[in-house]
Amino acid sequence: MNDKLIFRIIAAVSIFVFCVVVLLNKKVLPVPNEIPDFVYKLPKFNAIINGTCTCLLLLSLYFIKQKNVTLHKKINIWAFSFSSLFLVSYITYHWLAVETVFPLDNPLRPLYLVILISHIILAAAVLPLILLSFYRGLQLQVELHKKIVRWSYPIWLYVTITGVVVYLMLSPYYTH
């Protein structure tokens, strides 16, 4: 496959995921009458996945600084796999469950909203960067990989950390 085709695939996947998330937030997709019990465990599961990805990303940085490219690559494949699992779980939860809202009268609400909004915007922005940096890394295009990772790595790390923070701030308000 040539780069042009890969870029189109990355763009298509990124746009598709963005559109699905927007549709989920608008609650326009049909929801079954009965919600499976496992759905209500997904927020905690998602936070665990995000926390795991945070650790994997930090390990990945450590091993590349140690010049251990093999372990760096394996850990990134795991981080990518966990992030993909997170995405499926996130979509499942937001499709099926009723949204939990941070209380309007909570004095931490402005902080929560800053963290949540930055998390959402950066999560949307980082997906194509992750896919592109992953592609460049797997193709052993080291210099191009480094240029993209300079941006994708800190954003991805921030998104995984703030995903856990958002869960911890919102968790007392889950009704299930």
Protein backbone atom coordinates (compact mmCIF):
# COMPACT_ATOMS: atom_id res chain seq x y z
CA MET A 1 0.00 0.00 0.00
CA ASN A 2 1.22 3.48 -0.72
CA ASP A 3 1.21 6.41 1.69
CA LYS A 4 -1.68 8.14 -0.07
CA LEU A 5 -3.96 5.15 0.49
CA ILE A 6 -2.85 4.83 4.13
CA PHE A 7 -3.56 8.55 4.72
CA ARG A 8 -7.04 8.10 3.23
CA ILE A 9 -7.69 5.08 5.45
CA ILE A 10 -6.49 6.99 8.53
CA ALA A 11 -8.68 9.97 7.61
CA ALA A 12 -11.70 7.71 6.99
CA VAL A 13 -11.29 5.85 10.28
CA SER A 14 -10.81 9.11 12.21
CA ILE A 15 -13.86 10.74 10.63
CA PHE A 16 -15.96 7.61 11.14
CA VAL A 17 -15.06 7.40 14.85
CA PHE A 18 -15.72 11.12 15.31
CA CYS A 19 -19.14 10.83 13.62
CA VAL A 20 -20.10 7.80 15.71
CA VAL A 21 -19.21 9.64 18.94
CA VAL A 22 -21.20 12.71 17.83
CA LEU A 23 -24.21 10.51 17.02
CA LEU A 24 -23.90 8.81 20.40
CA ASN A 25 -23.94 12.14 22.19
CA LYS A 26 -27.02 13.21 20.24
CA LYS A 27 -28.72 9.91 21.22
CA VAL A 28 -30.02 9.35 17.67
CA LEU A 29 -29.06 5.69 17.45
CA PRO A 30 -31.74 3.16 18.48
CA VAL A 31 -31.26 1.65 21.91
CA PRO A 32 -32.57 -1.78 22.92
CA ASN A 33 -35.39 -1.90 25.47
CA GLU A 34 -33.30 -3.84 27.95
CA ILE A 35 -29.74 -2.77 28.78
CA PRO A 36 -27.36 -5.62 29.70
CA ASP A 37 -25.98 -5.38 33.25
CA PHE A 38 -22.35 -5.39 32.07
CA VAL A 39 -22.86 -1.97 30.47
CA TYR A 40 -22.90 -0.30 33.89
CA LYS A 41 -19.46 -1.71 34.68
CA LEU A 42 -17.92 -0.16 31.57
CA PRO A 43 -16.97 3.26 33.03
CA LYS A 44 -14.73 1.62 35.63
CA PHE A 45 -13.41 -0.80 32.98
CA ASN A 46 -12.65 2.17 30.72
CA ALA A 47 -10.79 3.95 33.51
CA ILE A 48 -8.73 0.81 34.12
CA ILE A 49 -7.93 0.60 30.41
CA ASN A 50 -6.93 4.27 30.36
CA GLY A 51 -4.74 3.80 33.41
CA THR A 52 -3.14 0.76 31.80
CA CYS A 53 -2.48 2.75 28.63
CA THR A 54 -0.88 5.51 30.69
CA CYS A 55 1.51 2.99 32.22
CA LEU A 56 2.22 1.40 28.85
CA LEU A 57 2.95 4.77 27.25
CA LEU A 58 5.36 5.65 30.05
CA LEU A 59 7.06 2.25 29.68
CA SER A 60 7.26 2.77 25.93
CA LEU A 61 9.06 6.08 26.45
CA TYR A 62 11.41 4.48 28.96
CA PHE A 63 12.36 1.64 26.61
CA ILE A 64 12.93 3.86 23.59
CA LYS A 65 15.17 6.08 25.75
CA GLN A 66 17.06 2.87 26.60
CA LYS A 67 17.34 2.17 22.82
CA ASN A 68 15.30 -1.01 23.23
CA VAL A 69 13.27 -0.66 20.03
CA THR A 70 11.87 -4.20 20.18
CA LEU A 71 10.28 -3.74 23.60
CA HIS A 72 9.22 -0.20 22.69
CA LYS A 73 7.36 -1.57 19.65
CA LYS A 74 5.73 -4.43 21.58
CA ILE A 75 4.53 -2.10 24.32
CA ASN A 76 3.12 0.32 21.77
CA ILE A 77 1.22 -2.51 20.11
CA TRP A 78 -0.26 -3.34 23.52
CA ALA A 79 -1.12 0.33 24.16
CA PHE A 80 -2.74 0.58 20.74
CA SER A 81 -4.69 -2.64 21.37
CA PHE A 82 -5.91 -1.46 24.77
CA SER A 83 -6.90 1.91 23.30
CA SER A 84 -8.85 0.11 20.59
CA LEU A 85 -10.62 -1.96 23.24
CA PHE A 86 -11.33 1.24 25.14
CA LEU A 87 -12.90 2.79 22.06
CA VAL A 88 -15.24 -0.17 21.57
CA SER A 89 -16.15 -0.16 25.26
CA TYR A 90 -16.65 3.63 25.30
CA ILE A 91 -18.94 3.49 22.26
CA THR A 92 -20.91 0.59 23.77
CA TYR A 93 -21.44 2.44 27.05
CA HIS A 94 -22.42 5.76 25.49
CA TRP A 95 -24.75 4.02 23.07
CA LEU A 96 -26.62 2.04 25.71
CA ALA A 97 -26.39 3.88 29.02
CA VAL A 98 -28.03 7.07 30.20
CA GLU A 99 -25.50 9.88 30.49
CA THR A 100 -24.24 10.71 33.97
CA VAL A 101 -23.96 14.46 34.53
CA PHE A 102 -21.60 16.18 36.95
CA PRO A 103 -23.82 18.18 39.36
CA LEU A 104 -24.43 21.82 38.44
CA ASP A 105 -24.06 22.94 42.07
CA ASN A 106 -20.74 21.20 42.70
CA PRO A 107 -17.98 23.81 43.19
CA LEU A 108 -15.56 21.56 41.23
CA ARG A 109 -17.76 21.69 38.12
CA PRO A 110 -15.65 24.37 36.34
CA LEU A 111 -12.50 22.29 36.88
CA TYR A 112 -14.33 19.14 35.79
CA LEU A 113 -15.53 20.86 32.60
CA VAL A 114 -12.05 22.15 31.74
CA ILE A 115 -10.62 18.66 32.14
CA LEU A 116 -13.53 17.01 30.30
CA ILE A 117 -13.58 19.44 27.37
CA SER A 118 -9.81 19.34 26.88
CA HIS A 119 -9.97 15.54 27.11
CA ILE A 120 -12.71 15.30 24.46
CA ILE A 121 -11.08 17.72 22.02
CA LEU A 122 -7.65 16.15 22.33
CA ALA A 123 -9.04 12.60 22.14
CA ALA A 124 -10.65 13.48 18.80
CA ALA A 125 -7.50 15.20 17.55
CA VAL A 126 -5.05 12.50 18.60
CA LEU A 127 -6.61 9.52 16.84
CA PRO A 128 -5.24 10.31 13.36
CA LEU A 129 -1.87 11.22 14.91
CA ILE A 130 -1.71 7.89 16.74
CA LEU A 131 -2.64 5.99 13.60
CA LEU A 132 -0.10 7.87 11.53
CA SER A 133 2.71 7.53 14.07
CA PHE A 134 1.87 3.84 14.45
CA TYR A 135 2.06 3.38 10.69
CA ARG A 136 5.38 5.24 10.43
CA GLY A 137 6.83 3.23 13.29
CA LEU A 138 5.76 -0.11 11.85
CA GLN A 139 7.22 0.91 8.47
CA LEU A 140 10.52 1.72 10.26
CA GLN A 141 10.34 5.32 8.99
CA VAL A 142 12.07 6.46 12.16
CA GLU A 143 12.54 10.16 11.40
CA LEU A 144 8.94 10.62 10.24
CA HIS A 145 7.77 8.57 13.24
CA LYS A 146 9.70 10.84 15.62
CA LYS A 147 8.23 14.00 14.07
CA ILE A 148 4.68 12.77 14.59
CA VAL A 149 5.30 11.22 18.00
CA ARG A 150 6.60 14.58 19.22
CA TRP A 151 2.91 15.61 19.08
CA SER A 152 0.95 12.38 19.39
CA TYR A 153 2.73 11.00 22.46
CA PRO A 154 2.06 13.85 24.93
CA ILE A 155 -1.50 14.26 23.69
CA TRP A 156 -2.21 10.53 23.93
CA LEU A 157 -0.67 10.45 27.41
CA TYR A 158 -2.76 13.46 28.50
CA VAL A 159 -5.92 11.84 27.14
CA THR A 160 -5.30 8.57 29.01
CA ILE A 161 -4.56 10.41 32.26
CA THR A 162 -7.53 12.77 32.01
CA GLY A 163 -9.77 9.82 31.13
CA VAL A 164 -9.02 8.39 34.56
CA VAL A 165 -9.45 11.79 36.23
CA VAL A 166 -12.84 12.33 34.55
CA TYR A 167 -13.97 8.90 35.73
CA LEU A 168 -12.81 9.55 39.30
CA MET A 169 -14.55 12.92 39.40
CA LEU A 170 -17.79 11.54 37.91
CA SER A 171 -17.89 8.14 39.63
CA PRO A 172 -19.72 9.27 42.80
CA TYR A 173 -22.63 10.34 40.58
CA TYR A 174 -23.23 7.12 38.67
CA THR A 175 -26.68 5.87 39.58
CA HIS A 176 -26.05 2.22 38.84
